[in-house]
Amino acid sequence: MKISEKDKNIFVAGHKGMVGSAIIRNLKGKEGLNIITKKRSQLDLTNSNLTSEFIQDENINIIINAAAKVGGILANDRYPYDFIMNNLKIQNNLIDAAVNCKMEKFIFLGSSCIYPKHSAQPIKEEYLLTGPLEPTNQWYAIAKISGIMACMAAKKQYGLSAVSLMPTNLYGTNDNFDLTTSHVLPAMIRKFHEAKIDQSDVKLWGTGNPFREFLFVDDLAHAVSFVLDHNLTEDIYNVGFGEDISINKLARLVQKIIGHKGRIIWDESKPDGTPKKLMDSTKLMQLGWKPMVNLSDGIEKTYEWFKTKYK
């Protein structure tokens, strides 16, 4: 990484999560960086005073905000207040501390769910705020949109060097496989794995008709490194793989990789969510970033990690 000056103190918020841990793996060993992390038990990012004091005391130069409350359709539906309020508190405190401490760079990680439910495809960055959101995760989306706008406002008013990255659906090492809070791909991996052991069928939500795009989390970590290494001029950059797949085909791909032999049963009483969500990541790709891990290889890597973690 071409950090121009040495000994930059870089704070990776949310380093224990899937995204944060991938960023840590990517940054370790890079010259000129002193990576600083804090466990949730050590620093409550929803507390503005504690967050501000920490950023000042540690003399932080760069913040990567990978800290967030995340989850799938079920979790978003059950805990809407938690999803909007916790995320607002975390990002507001970090952005405010970055402004007050005249941060050299601030990287905000959002989500593809910020875009309207029925966006034209593929989804461009300028489609933000052009239509209604997907109702099942609007609480999380609104929080993330607020974070983007706060970064833009801080850049305009105070000159904060802030970049917002909007990744597509992520998966990979250190993913969440809890069936009540996980996203679709890790949930599938666990369901097919357990059904393989039990020699049973697999029941999945919805019709299987929606299309989704998936990005291996280490490719997002490479995108974060790319942003650190370059002075990007736009406020928002999509970070996607460039191809999507139907949930039905995804299920059959996961089933094949895991070796499950039973039936797939679709529970059409459950919601599908957004019908199609493919990101247009042309802006970042034209600058030189490219995803490296295809979906099949990424699922295999994730499944191997899952088997060692969940015995």
C-alpha atoms as a PDB file:
ATOM      1  CA  MET A   1       0.000   0.000   0.000  1.00  0.00           C
ATOM      2  CA  LYS A   2       1.429   3.367  -0.986  1.00  0.00           C
ATOM      3  CA  ILE A   3       0.747   5.316   2.194  1.00  0.00           C
ATOM      4  CA  SER A   4       2.875   8.420   1.691  1.00  0.00           C
ATOM      5  CA  GLU A   5       3.853   8.969   5.320  1.00  0.00           C
ATOM      6  CA  LYS A   6       4.814   6.329   7.812  1.00  0.00           C
ATOM      7  CA  ASP A   7       3.240   5.351  11.085  1.00  0.00           C
ATOM      8  CA  LYS A   8      -0.368   6.199  10.307  1.00  0.00           C
ATOM      9  CA  ASN A   9      -2.716   5.152  13.107  1.00  0.00           C
ATOM     10  CA  ILE A  10      -5.645   3.444  11.429  1.00  0.00           C
ATOM     11  CA  PHE A  11      -8.709   2.446  13.447  1.00  0.00           C
ATOM     12  CA  VAL A  12     -10.756  -0.425  12.040  1.00  0.00           C
ATOM     13  CA  ALA A  13     -14.122  -0.225  13.793  1.00  0.00           C
ATOM     14  CA  GLY A  14     -15.885  -3.576  13.902  1.00  0.00           C
ATOM     15  CA  HIS A  15     -12.741  -5.648  13.456  1.00  0.00           C
ATOM     16  CA  LYS A  16     -14.347  -8.811  14.863  1.00  0.00           C
ATOM     17  CA  GLY A  17     -17.053  -8.966  12.199  1.00  0.00           C
ATOM     18  CA  MET A  18     -16.788 -10.595   8.794  1.00  0.00           C
ATOM     19  CA  VAL A  19     -15.923  -7.360   6.991  1.00  0.00           C
ATOM     20  CA  GLY A  20     -13.679  -5.915   9.686  1.00  0.00           C
ATOM     21  CA  SER A  21     -11.688  -9.119  10.103  1.00  0.00           C
ATOM     22  CA  ALA A  22     -11.160  -9.337   6.317  1.00  0.00           C
ATOM     23  CA  ILE A  23      -9.865  -5.757   6.311  1.00  0.00           C
ATOM     24  CA  ILE A  24      -7.479  -6.587   9.146  1.00  0.00           C
ATOM     25  CA  ARG A  25      -6.157  -9.613   7.232  1.00  0.00           C
ATOM     26  CA  ASN A  26      -5.592  -7.438   4.196  1.00  0.00           C
ATOM     27  CA  LEU A  27      -3.862  -4.589   6.040  1.00  0.00           C
ATOM     28  CA  LYS A  28      -1.561  -6.662   8.263  1.00  0.00           C
ATOM     29  CA  GLY A  29       2.020  -6.386   7.208  1.00  0.00           C
ATOM     30  CA  LYS A  30       1.473  -3.191   5.221  1.00  0.00           C
ATOM     31  CA  GLU A  31       4.260  -0.708   5.797  1.00  0.00           C
ATOM     32  CA  GLY A  32       3.447   2.600   7.410  1.00  0.00           C
ATOM     33  CA  LEU A  33       0.285   1.464   9.164  1.00  0.00           C
ATOM     34  CA  ASN A  34      -0.329   0.989  12.836  1.00  0.00           C
ATOM     35  CA  ILE A  35      -3.610  -0.912  13.041  1.00  0.00           C
ATOM     36  CA  ILE A  36      -5.667  -0.119  16.131  1.00  0.00           C
ATOM     37  CA  THR A  37      -8.694  -2.144  17.219  1.00  0.00           C
ATOM     38  CA  LYS A  38     -11.036  -2.299  20.196  1.00  0.00           C
ATOM     39  CA  LYS A  39     -13.453  -5.012  21.209  1.00  0.00           C
ATOM     40  CA  ARG A  40     -17.065  -4.038  21.871  1.00  0.00           C
ATOM     41  CA  SER A  41     -16.479  -4.769  25.562  1.00  0.00           C
ATOM     42  CA  GLN A  42     -13.595  -2.287  25.543  1.00  0.00           C
ATOM     43  CA  LEU A  43     -15.239   0.540  23.602  1.00  0.00           C
ATOM     44  CA  ASP A  44     -18.949   1.234  23.178  1.00  0.00           C
ATOM     45  CA  LEU A  45     -19.184   3.036  19.842  1.00  0.00           C
ATOM     46  CA  THR A  46     -22.789   4.048  20.583  1.00  0.00           C
ATOM     47  CA  ASN A  47     -21.395   6.279  23.357  1.00  0.00           C
ATOM     48  CA  SER A  48     -20.321   9.580  21.794  1.00  0.00           C
ATOM     49  CA  ASN A  49     -18.059  10.718  24.650  1.00  0.00           C
ATOM     50  CA  LEU A  50     -16.168   7.440  24.881  1.00  0.00           C
ATOM     51  CA  THR A  51     -15.748   7.281  21.113  1.00  0.00           C
ATOM     52  CA  SER A  52     -14.472  10.853  20.865  1.00  0.00           C
ATOM     53  CA  GLU A  53     -12.030  10.392  23.750  1.00  0.00           C
ATOM     54  CA  PHE A  54     -10.668   7.190  22.224  1.00  0.00           C
ATOM     55  CA  ILE A  55     -10.081   8.753  18.789  1.00  0.00           C
ATOM     56  CA  GLN A  56      -8.271  11.708  20.389  1.00  0.00           C
ATOM     57  CA  ASP A  57      -6.214   9.692  22.878  1.00  0.00           C
ATOM     58  CA  GLU A  58      -5.010   7.210  20.237  1.00  0.00           C
ATOM     59  CA  ASN A  59      -4.176   9.980  17.766  1.00  0.00           C
ATOM     60  CA  ILE A  60      -6.096   8.237  15.001  1.00  0.00           C
ATOM     61  CA  ASN A  61      -5.315   9.395  11.437  1.00  0.00           C
ATOM     62  CA  ILE A  62      -7.630   7.114   9.438  1.00  0.00           C
ATOM     63  CA  ILE A  63     -10.961   5.495  10.326  1.00  0.00           C
ATOM     64  CA  ILE A  64     -12.554   2.563   8.526  1.00  0.00           C
ATOM     65  CA  ASN A  65     -16.127   2.145   9.724  1.00  0.00           C
ATOM     66  CA  ALA A  66     -16.923  -1.551   9.399  1.00  0.00           C
ATOM     67  CA  ALA A  67     -18.924  -1.550  12.644  1.00  0.00           C
ATOM     68  CA  ALA A  68     -22.658  -2.069  12.202  1.00  0.00           C
ATOM     69  CA  LYS A  69     -25.630  -4.079  13.332  1.00  0.00           C
ATOM     70  CA  VAL A  70     -26.405  -6.331  10.377  1.00  0.00           C
ATOM     71  CA  GLY A  71     -28.776  -9.175   9.595  1.00  0.00           C
ATOM     72  CA  GLY A  72     -31.135 -10.737   7.092  1.00  0.00           C
ATOM     73  CA  ILE A  73     -34.851 -10.265   6.426  1.00  0.00           C
ATOM     74  CA  LEU A  74     -35.959 -11.994   9.638  1.00  0.00           C
ATOM     75  CA  ALA A  75     -33.683  -9.957  11.902  1.00  0.00           C
ATOM     76  CA  ASN A  76     -34.574  -6.667  10.211  1.00  0.00           C
ATOM     77  CA  ASP A  77     -38.270  -7.410  10.579  1.00  0.00           C
ATOM     78  CA  ARG A  78     -38.004  -8.349  14.268  1.00  0.00           C
ATOM     79  CA  TYR A  79     -35.669  -5.601  15.448  1.00  0.00           C
ATOM     80  CA  PRO A  80     -36.330  -2.463  13.323  1.00  0.00           C
ATOM     81  CA  TYR A  81     -35.575   0.018  16.119  1.00  0.00           C
ATOM     82  CA  ASP A  82     -32.256  -1.664  16.923  1.00  0.00           C
ATOM     83  CA  PHE A  83     -31.227  -1.644  13.268  1.00  0.00           C
ATOM     84  CA  ILE A  84     -31.868   2.023  12.685  1.00  0.00           C
ATOM     85  CA  MET A  85     -30.849   3.426  16.079  1.00  0.00           C
ATOM     86  CA  ASN A  86     -27.692   1.408  16.777  1.00  0.00           C
ATOM     87  CA  ASN A  87     -26.298   2.060  13.319  1.00  0.00           C
ATOM     88  CA  LEU A  88     -27.090   5.767  13.502  1.00  0.00           C
ATOM     89  CA  LYS A  89     -25.318   6.082  16.839  1.00  0.00           C
ATOM     90  CA  ILE A  90     -22.198   4.192  15.759  1.00  0.00           C
ATOM     91  CA  GLN A  91     -21.653   6.000  12.477  1.00  0.00           C
ATOM     92  CA  ASN A  92     -22.603   9.443  13.801  1.00  0.00           C
ATOM     93  CA  ASN A  93     -20.123   9.157  16.651  1.00  0.00           C
ATOM     94  CA  LEU A  94     -17.305   8.038  14.364  1.00  0.00           C
ATOM     95  CA  ILE A  95     -17.987  10.675  11.712  1.00  0.00           C
ATOM     96  CA  ASP A  96     -18.261  13.419  14.329  1.00  0.00           C
ATOM     97  CA  ALA A  97     -14.979  12.342  15.919  1.00  0.00           C
ATOM     98  CA  ALA A  98     -13.359  12.324  12.474  1.00  0.00           C
ATOM     99  CA  VAL A  99     -14.500  15.896  11.847  1.00  0.00           C
ATOM    100  CA  ASN A 100     -13.398  17.151  15.276  1.00  0.00           C
ATOM    101  CA  CYS A 101      -9.997  15.483  15.012  1.00  0.00           C
ATOM    102  CA  LYS A 102      -9.443  16.567  11.387  1.00  0.00           C
ATOM    103  CA  MET A 103      -9.109  12.976  10.190  1.00  0.00           C
ATOM    104  CA  GLU A 104      -6.906  12.378   7.120  1.00  0.00           C
ATOM    105  CA  LYS A 105      -9.306   9.817   5.655  1.00  0.00           C
ATOM    106  CA  PHE A 106     -12.642   8.279   6.595  1.00  0.00           C
ATOM    107  CA  ILE A 107     -14.024   5.193   4.827  1.00  0.00           C
ATOM    108  CA  PHE A 108     -17.711   4.488   5.390  1.00  0.00           C
ATOM    109  CA  LEU A 109     -19.057   1.048   4.512  1.00  0.00           C
ATOM    110  CA  GLY A 110     -22.700   0.906   3.535  1.00  0.00           C
ATOM    111  CA  SER A 111     -24.854  -1.588   1.671  1.00  0.00           C
ATOM    112  CA  SER A 112     -26.621  -2.090  -1.645  1.00  0.00           C
ATOM    113  CA  CYS A 113     -29.936  -1.879   0.236  1.00  0.00           C
ATOM    114  CA  ILE A 114     -29.607   1.927   0.222  1.00  0.00           C
ATOM    115  CA  TYR A 115     -30.976   1.938  -3.326  1.00  0.00           C
ATOM    116  CA  PRO A 116     -34.687   1.897  -4.249  1.00  0.00           C
ATOM    117  CA  LYS A 117     -36.429  -1.467  -4.365  1.00  0.00           C
ATOM    118  CA  HIS A 118     -37.245  -1.132  -8.062  1.00  0.00           C
ATOM    119  CA  SER A 119     -34.066   0.545  -9.292  1.00  0.00           C
ATOM    120  CA  ALA A 120     -33.134   0.236 -12.931  1.00  0.00           C
ATOM    121  CA  GLN A 121     -30.520  -2.508 -13.363  1.00  0.00           C
ATOM    122  CA  PRO A 122     -27.605  -2.506 -12.949  1.00  0.00           C
ATOM    123  CA  ILE A 123     -27.817  -0.025 -10.071  1.00  0.00           C
ATOM    124  CA  LYS A 124     -25.727   3.130 -10.465  1.00  0.00           C
ATOM    125  CA  GLU A 125     -24.589   5.334  -7.586  1.00  0.00           C
ATOM    126  CA  GLU A 126     -26.780   8.205  -8.795  1.00  0.00           C
ATOM    127  CA  TYR A 127     -29.936   6.127  -8.212  1.00  0.00           C
ATOM    128  CA  LEU A 128     -29.681   6.901  -4.499  1.00  0.00           C
ATOM    129  CA  LEU A 129     -32.874   8.567  -3.171  1.00  0.00           C
ATOM    130  CA  THR A 130     -34.803   8.147  -6.439  1.00  0.00           C
ATOM    131  CA  GLY A 131     -37.518   5.813  -5.149  1.00  0.00           C
ATOM    132  CA  PRO A 132     -39.000   3.817  -2.218  1.00  0.00           C
ATOM    133  CA  LEU A 133     -36.796   1.367  -0.337  1.00  0.00           C
ATOM    134  CA  GLU A 134     -37.340  -2.354   0.173  1.00  0.00           C
ATOM    135  CA  PRO A 135     -39.657  -2.440   3.256  1.00  0.00           C
ATOM    136  CA  THR A 136     -38.039  -5.506   4.855  1.00  0.00           C
ATOM    137  CA  ASN A 137     -34.725  -3.733   5.496  1.00  0.00           C
ATOM    138  CA  GLN A 138     -35.623  -0.051   5.246  1.00  0.00           C
ATOM    139  CA  TRP A 139     -34.529   0.637   8.824  1.00  0.00           C
ATOM    140  CA  TYR A 140     -30.954  -0.432   8.140  1.00  0.00           C
ATOM    141  CA  ALA A 141     -30.997   1.264   4.744  1.00  0.00           C
ATOM    142  CA  ILE A 142     -32.120   4.620   6.140  1.00  0.00           C
ATOM    143  CA  ALA A 143     -29.346   4.516   8.733  1.00  0.00           C
ATOM    144  CA  LYS A 144     -26.759   3.837   6.032  1.00  0.00           C
ATOM    145  CA  ILE A 145     -28.162   6.582   3.793  1.00  0.00           C
ATOM    146  CA  SER A 146     -27.823   8.979   6.734  1.00  0.00           C
ATOM    147  CA  GLY A 147     -24.190   7.933   7.088  1.00  0.00           C
ATOM    148  CA  ILE A 148     -23.502   8.633   3.424  1.00  0.00           C
ATOM    149  CA  MET A 149     -25.121  12.054   3.658  1.00  0.00           C
ATOM    150  CA  ALA A 150     -23.227  12.857   6.870  1.00  0.00           C
ATOM    151  CA  CYS A 151     -19.934  12.021   5.138  1.00  0.00           C
ATOM    152  CA  MET A 152     -20.874  14.203   2.180  1.00  0.00           C
ATOM    153  CA  ALA A 153     -21.849  17.060   4.492  1.00  0.00           C
ATOM    154  CA  ALA A 154     -18.597  16.754   6.472  1.00  0.00           C
ATOM    155  CA  LYS A 155     -16.643  16.770   3.215  1.00  0.00           C
ATOM    156  CA  LYS A 156     -18.468  19.870   1.959  1.00  0.00           C
ATOM    157  CA  GLN A 157     -18.387  21.870   5.177  1.00  0.00           C
ATOM    158  CA  TYR A 158     -15.152  20.751   6.831  1.00  0.00           C
ATOM    159  CA  GLY A 159     -13.122  19.189   4.026  1.00  0.00           C
ATOM    160  CA  LEU A 160     -13.188  15.688   5.520  1.00  0.00           C
ATOM    161  CA  SER A 161     -11.640  13.217   3.079  1.00  0.00           C
ATOM    162  CA  ALA A 162     -14.528  10.744   3.197  1.00  0.00           C
ATOM    163  CA  VAL A 163     -15.397   7.944   0.789  1.00  0.00           C
ATOM    164  CA  SER A 164     -18.480   5.725   1.064  1.00  0.00           C
ATOM    165  CA  LEU A 165     -18.260   2.192  -0.330  1.00  0.00           C
ATOM    166  CA  MET A 166     -21.495   0.350  -1.098  1.00  0.00           C
ATOM    167  CA  PRO A 167     -20.803  -3.396  -1.271  1.00  0.00           C
ATOM    168  CA  THR A 168     -23.237  -5.868  -2.740  1.00  0.00           C
ATOM    169  CA  ASN A 169     -24.251  -8.984  -0.746  1.00  0.00           C
ATOM    170  CA  LEU A 170     -21.144 -10.189   1.083  1.00  0.00           C
ATOM    171  CA  TYR A 171     -20.130 -13.648   2.261  1.00  0.00           C
ATOM    172  CA  GLY A 172     -16.978 -15.452   3.350  1.00  0.00           C
ATOM    173  CA  THR A 173     -14.693 -16.253   6.246  1.00  0.00           C
ATOM    174  CA  ASN A 174     -16.084 -15.288   9.657  1.00  0.00           C
ATOM    175  CA  ASP A 175     -19.623 -14.942   8.303  1.00  0.00           C
ATOM    176  CA  ASN A 176     -22.692 -15.178  10.540  1.00  0.00           C
ATOM    177  CA  PHE A 177     -24.416 -18.570  10.288  1.00  0.00           C
ATOM    178  CA  ASP A 178     -27.102 -17.992  12.929  1.00  0.00           C
ATOM    179  CA  LEU A 179     -30.348 -18.863  11.151  1.00  0.00           C
ATOM    180  CA  THR A 180     -32.305 -16.079  12.881  1.00  0.00           C
ATOM    181  CA  THR A 181     -29.911 -13.248  11.940  1.00  0.00           C
ATOM    182  CA  SER A 182     -27.872 -14.441   8.952  1.00  0.00           C
ATOM    183  CA  HIS A 183     -28.094 -13.458   5.298  1.00  0.00           C
ATOM    184  CA  VAL A 184     -29.219 -15.814   2.549  1.00  0.00           C
ATOM    185  CA  LEU A 185     -25.918 -17.425   1.511  1.00  0.00           C
ATOM    186  CA  PRO A 186     -24.526 -18.375   4.948  1.00  0.00           C
ATOM    187  CA  ALA A 187     -28.018 -19.531   5.947  1.00  0.00           C
ATOM    188  CA  MET A 188     -28.064 -21.831   2.909  1.00  0.00           C
ATOM    189  CA  ILE A 189     -24.629 -23.221   3.705  1.00  0.00           C
ATOM    190  CA  ARG A 190     -25.697 -24.140   7.229  1.00  0.00           C
ATOM    191  CA  LYS A 191     -29.077 -25.552   6.188  1.00  0.00           C
ATOM    192  CA  PHE A 192     -27.641 -27.753   3.446  1.00  0.00           C
ATOM    193  CA  HIS A 193     -24.787 -28.896   5.690  1.00  0.00           C
ATOM    194  CA  GLU A 194     -27.127 -29.927   8.505  1.00  0.00           C
ATOM    195  CA  ALA A 195     -29.562 -31.525   6.060  1.00  0.00           C
ATOM    196  CA  LYS A 196     -26.701 -33.507   4.559  1.00  0.00           C
ATOM    197  CA  ILE A 197     -25.843 -34.877   7.988  1.00  0.00           C
ATOM    198  CA  ASP A 198     -29.496 -35.569   8.837  1.00  0.00           C
ATOM    199  CA  GLN A 199     -30.276 -36.859   5.319  1.00  0.00           C
ATOM    200  CA  SER A 200     -33.274 -34.528   5.183  1.00  0.00           C
ATOM    201  CA  ASP A 201     -34.829 -32.021   2.787  1.00  0.00           C
ATOM    202  CA  VAL A 202     -34.039 -28.288   2.912  1.00  0.00           C
ATOM    203  CA  LYS A 203     -36.750 -25.656   3.306  1.00  0.00           C
ATOM    204  CA  LEU A 204     -35.929 -22.178   2.024  1.00  0.00           C
ATOM    205  CA  TRP A 205     -37.744 -18.848   2.162  1.00  0.00           C
ATOM    206  CA  GLY A 206     -39.650 -17.379  -0.780  1.00  0.00           C
ATOM    207  CA  THR A 207     -40.002 -18.496  -4.383  1.00  0.00           C
ATOM    208  CA  GLY A 208     -36.346 -18.658  -5.371  1.00  0.00           C
ATOM    209  CA  ASN A 209     -37.049 -16.240  -8.239  1.00  0.00           C
ATOM    210  CA  PRO A 210     -35.192 -13.081  -7.063  1.00  0.00           C
ATOM    211  CA  PHE A 211     -31.705 -12.387  -8.384  1.00  0.00           C
ATOM    212  CA  ARG A 212     -28.797 -11.421  -6.168  1.00  0.00           C
ATOM    213  CA  GLU A 213     -25.158 -10.486  -6.644  1.00  0.00           C
ATOM    214  CA  PHE A 214     -22.534 -11.833  -4.234  1.00  0.00           C
ATOM    215  CA  LEU A 215     -19.019 -10.654  -3.415  1.00  0.00           C
ATOM    216  CA  PHE A 216     -16.407 -12.570  -1.430  1.00  0.00           C
ATOM    217  CA  VAL A 217     -15.528 -10.453   1.597  1.00  0.00           C
ATOM    218  CA  ASP A 218     -11.785 -10.455   0.877  1.00  0.00           C
ATOM    219  CA  ASP A 219     -12.522  -8.681  -2.415  1.00  0.00           C
ATOM    220  CA  LEU A 220     -14.218  -5.902  -0.450  1.00  0.00           C
ATOM    221  CA  ALA A 221     -11.156  -5.732   1.806  1.00  0.00           C
ATOM    222  CA  HIS A 222      -9.034  -5.247  -1.318  1.00  0.00           C
ATOM    223  CA  ALA A 223     -11.351  -2.409  -2.345  1.00  0.00           C
ATOM    224  CA  VAL A 224     -10.792  -0.726   1.032  1.00  0.00           C
ATOM    225  CA  SER A 225      -7.020  -1.006   0.525  1.00  0.00           C
ATOM    226  CA  PHE A 226      -7.462   0.459  -2.935  1.00  0.00           C
ATOM    227  CA  VAL A 227      -9.267   3.481  -1.501  1.00  0.00           C
ATOM    228  CA  LEU A 228      -6.521   3.977   1.086  1.00  0.00           C
ATOM    229  CA  ASP A 229      -3.970   3.890  -1.707  1.00  0.00           C
ATOM    230  CA  HIS A 230      -5.709   6.412  -3.967  1.00  0.00           C
ATOM    231  CA  ASN A 231      -7.336   9.821  -3.679  1.00  0.00           C
ATOM    232  CA  LEU A 232     -10.816   9.171  -5.050  1.00  0.00           C
ATOM    233  CA  THR A 233     -12.971  12.135  -6.009  1.00  0.00           C
ATOM    234  CA  GLU A 234     -16.503  10.691  -5.883  1.00  0.00           C
ATOM    235  CA  ASP A 235     -18.535  10.452  -2.671  1.00  0.00           C
ATOM    236  CA  ILE A 236     -19.931   6.959  -3.319  1.00  0.00           C
ATOM    237  CA  TYR A 237     -18.551   3.891  -5.079  1.00  0.00           C
ATOM    238  CA  ASN A 238     -20.402   0.630  -5.631  1.00  0.00           C
ATOM    239  CA  VAL A 239     -18.400  -2.514  -4.897  1.00  0.00           C
ATOM    240  CA  GLY A 240     -19.859  -5.559  -6.637  1.00  0.00           C
ATOM    241  CA  PHE A 241     -18.852  -8.662  -8.566  1.00  0.00           C
ATOM    242  CA  GLY A 242     -20.578  -7.646 -11.793  1.00  0.00           C
ATOM    243  CA  GLU A 243     -22.857 -10.684 -12.192  1.00  0.00           C
ATOM    244  CA  ASP A 244     -25.955 -11.917 -10.386  1.00  0.00           C
ATOM    245  CA  ILE A 245     -27.650 -15.286  -9.924  1.00  0.00           C
ATOM    246  CA  SER A 246     -31.181 -16.398  -9.086  1.00  0.00           C
ATOM    247  CA  ILE A 247     -31.730 -17.593  -5.536  1.00  0.00           C
ATOM    248  CA  ASN A 248     -32.938 -20.891  -7.001  1.00  0.00           C
ATOM    249  CA  LYS A 249     -29.687 -21.428  -8.914  1.00  0.00           C
ATOM    250  CA  LEU A 250     -27.697 -20.283  -5.896  1.00  0.00           C
ATOM    251  CA  ALA A 251     -29.422 -22.914  -3.762  1.00  0.00           C
ATOM    252  CA  ARG A 252     -28.559 -25.632  -6.276  1.00  0.00           C
ATOM    253  CA  LEU A 253     -24.947 -24.456  -6.447  1.00  0.00           C
ATOM    254  CA  VAL A 254     -24.611 -24.547  -2.648  1.00  0.00           C
ATOM    255  CA  GLN A 255     -26.346 -27.937  -2.592  1.00  0.00           C
ATOM    256  CA  LYS A 256     -23.858 -29.321  -5.147  1.00  0.00           C
ATOM    257  CA  ILE A 257     -20.774 -27.951  -3.346  1.00  0.00           C
ATOM    258  CA  ILE A 258     -21.918 -29.331   0.011  1.00  0.00           C
ATOM    259  CA  GLY A 259     -23.066 -32.659  -1.430  1.00  0.00           C
ATOM    260  CA  HIS A 260     -26.657 -32.613  -0.188  1.00  0.00           C
ATOM    261  CA  LYS A 261     -28.893 -35.186  -1.923  1.00  0.00           C
ATOM    262  CA  GLY A 262     -32.368 -34.260  -0.635  1.00  0.00           C
ATOM    263  CA  ARG A 263     -35.105 -32.011  -1.989  1.00  0.00           C
ATOM    264  CA  ILE A 264     -35.291 -28.217  -1.905  1.00  0.00           C
ATOM    265  CA  ILE A 265     -38.686 -26.990  -0.686  1.00  0.00           C
ATOM    266  CA  TRP A 266     -39.611 -23.331  -1.225  1.00  0.00           C
ATOM    267  CA  ASP A 267     -41.829 -21.686   1.394  1.00  0.00           C
ATOM    268  CA  GLU A 268     -43.683 -19.173  -0.779  1.00  0.00           C
ATOM    269  CA  SER A 269     -45.515 -17.741   2.236  1.00  0.00           C
ATOM    270  CA  LYS A 270     -42.258 -16.006   3.183  1.00  0.00           C
ATOM    271  CA  PRO A 271     -41.124 -12.734   1.513  1.00  0.00           C
ATOM    272  CA  ASP A 272     -38.734 -12.616  -1.416  1.00  0.00           C
ATOM    273  CA  GLY A 273     -37.450  -9.110  -0.816  1.00  0.00           C
ATOM    274  CA  THR A 274     -36.211  -7.016  -3.739  1.00  0.00           C
ATOM    275  CA  PRO A 275     -36.762  -8.875  -7.042  1.00  0.00           C
ATOM    276  CA  LYS A 276     -33.370  -8.010  -8.549  1.00  0.00           C
ATOM    277  CA  LYS A 277     -30.332  -6.198  -7.220  1.00  0.00           C
ATOM    278  CA  LEU A 278     -27.261  -5.989  -9.435  1.00  0.00           C
ATOM    279  CA  MET A 279     -24.713  -3.259  -8.782  1.00  0.00           C
ATOM    280  CA  ASP A 280     -22.992  -1.180 -11.436  1.00  0.00           C
ATOM    281  CA  SER A 281     -19.419  -1.033 -10.109  1.00  0.00           C
ATOM    282  CA  THR A 282     -17.968   0.550 -13.244  1.00  0.00           C
ATOM    283  CA  LYS A 283     -16.640   3.655 -11.467  1.00  0.00           C
ATOM    284  CA  LEU A 284     -14.374   1.732  -9.097  1.00  0.00           C
ATOM    285  CA  MET A 285     -13.409  -0.908 -11.671  1.00  0.00           C
ATOM    286  CA  GLN A 286     -12.333   1.726 -14.198  1.00  0.00           C
ATOM    287  CA  LEU A 287      -9.936   3.097 -11.585  1.00  0.00           C
ATOM    288  CA  GLY A 288      -8.224  -0.287 -11.301  1.00  0.00           C
ATOM    289  CA  TRP A 289     -10.005  -2.382  -8.656  1.00  0.00           C
ATOM    290  CA  LYS A 290     -11.307  -5.807  -9.714  1.00  0.00           C
ATOM    291  CA  PRO A 291     -12.898  -8.709  -7.776  1.00  0.00           C
ATOM    292  CA  MET A 292     -10.753 -11.852  -7.779  1.00  0.00           C
ATOM    293  CA  VAL A 293     -12.860 -14.670  -6.265  1.00  0.00           C
ATOM    294  CA  ASN A 294     -15.694 -16.210  -8.305  1.00  0.00           C
ATOM    295  CA  LEU A 295     -18.879 -17.395  -6.601  1.00  0.00           C
ATOM    296  CA  SER A 296     -18.205 -21.134  -6.727  1.00  0.00           C
ATOM    297  CA  ASP A 297     -14.670 -20.806  -5.325  1.00  0.00           C
ATOM    298  CA  GLY A 298     -15.891 -18.356  -2.699  1.00  0.00           C
ATOM    299  CA  ILE A 299     -18.628 -20.705  -1.505  1.00  0.00           C
ATOM    300  CA  GLU A 300     -16.111 -23.552  -1.271  1.00  0.00           C
ATOM    301  CA  LYS A 301     -13.746 -21.388   0.800  1.00  0.00           C
ATOM    302  CA  THR A 302     -16.605 -20.286   3.046  1.00  0.00           C
ATOM    303  CA  TYR A 303     -17.851 -23.849   3.512  1.00  0.00           C
ATOM    304  CA  GLU A 304     -14.381 -25.077   4.467  1.00  0.00           C
ATOM    305  CA  TRP A 305     -14.164 -22.350   7.107  1.00  0.00           C
ATOM    306  CA  PHE A 306     -17.676 -23.164   8.300  1.00  0.00           C
ATOM    307  CA  LYS A 307     -16.797 -26.849   8.815  1.00  0.00           C
ATOM    308  CA  THR A 308     -13.831 -25.968  11.022  1.00  0.00           C
ATOM    309  CA  LYS A 309     -15.820 -23.408  13.016  1.00  0.00           C
ATOM    310  CA  TYR A 310     -19.146 -25.210  13.405  1.00  0.00           C
ATOM    311  CA  LYS A 311     -18.365 -28.803  14.246  1.00  0.00           C
END
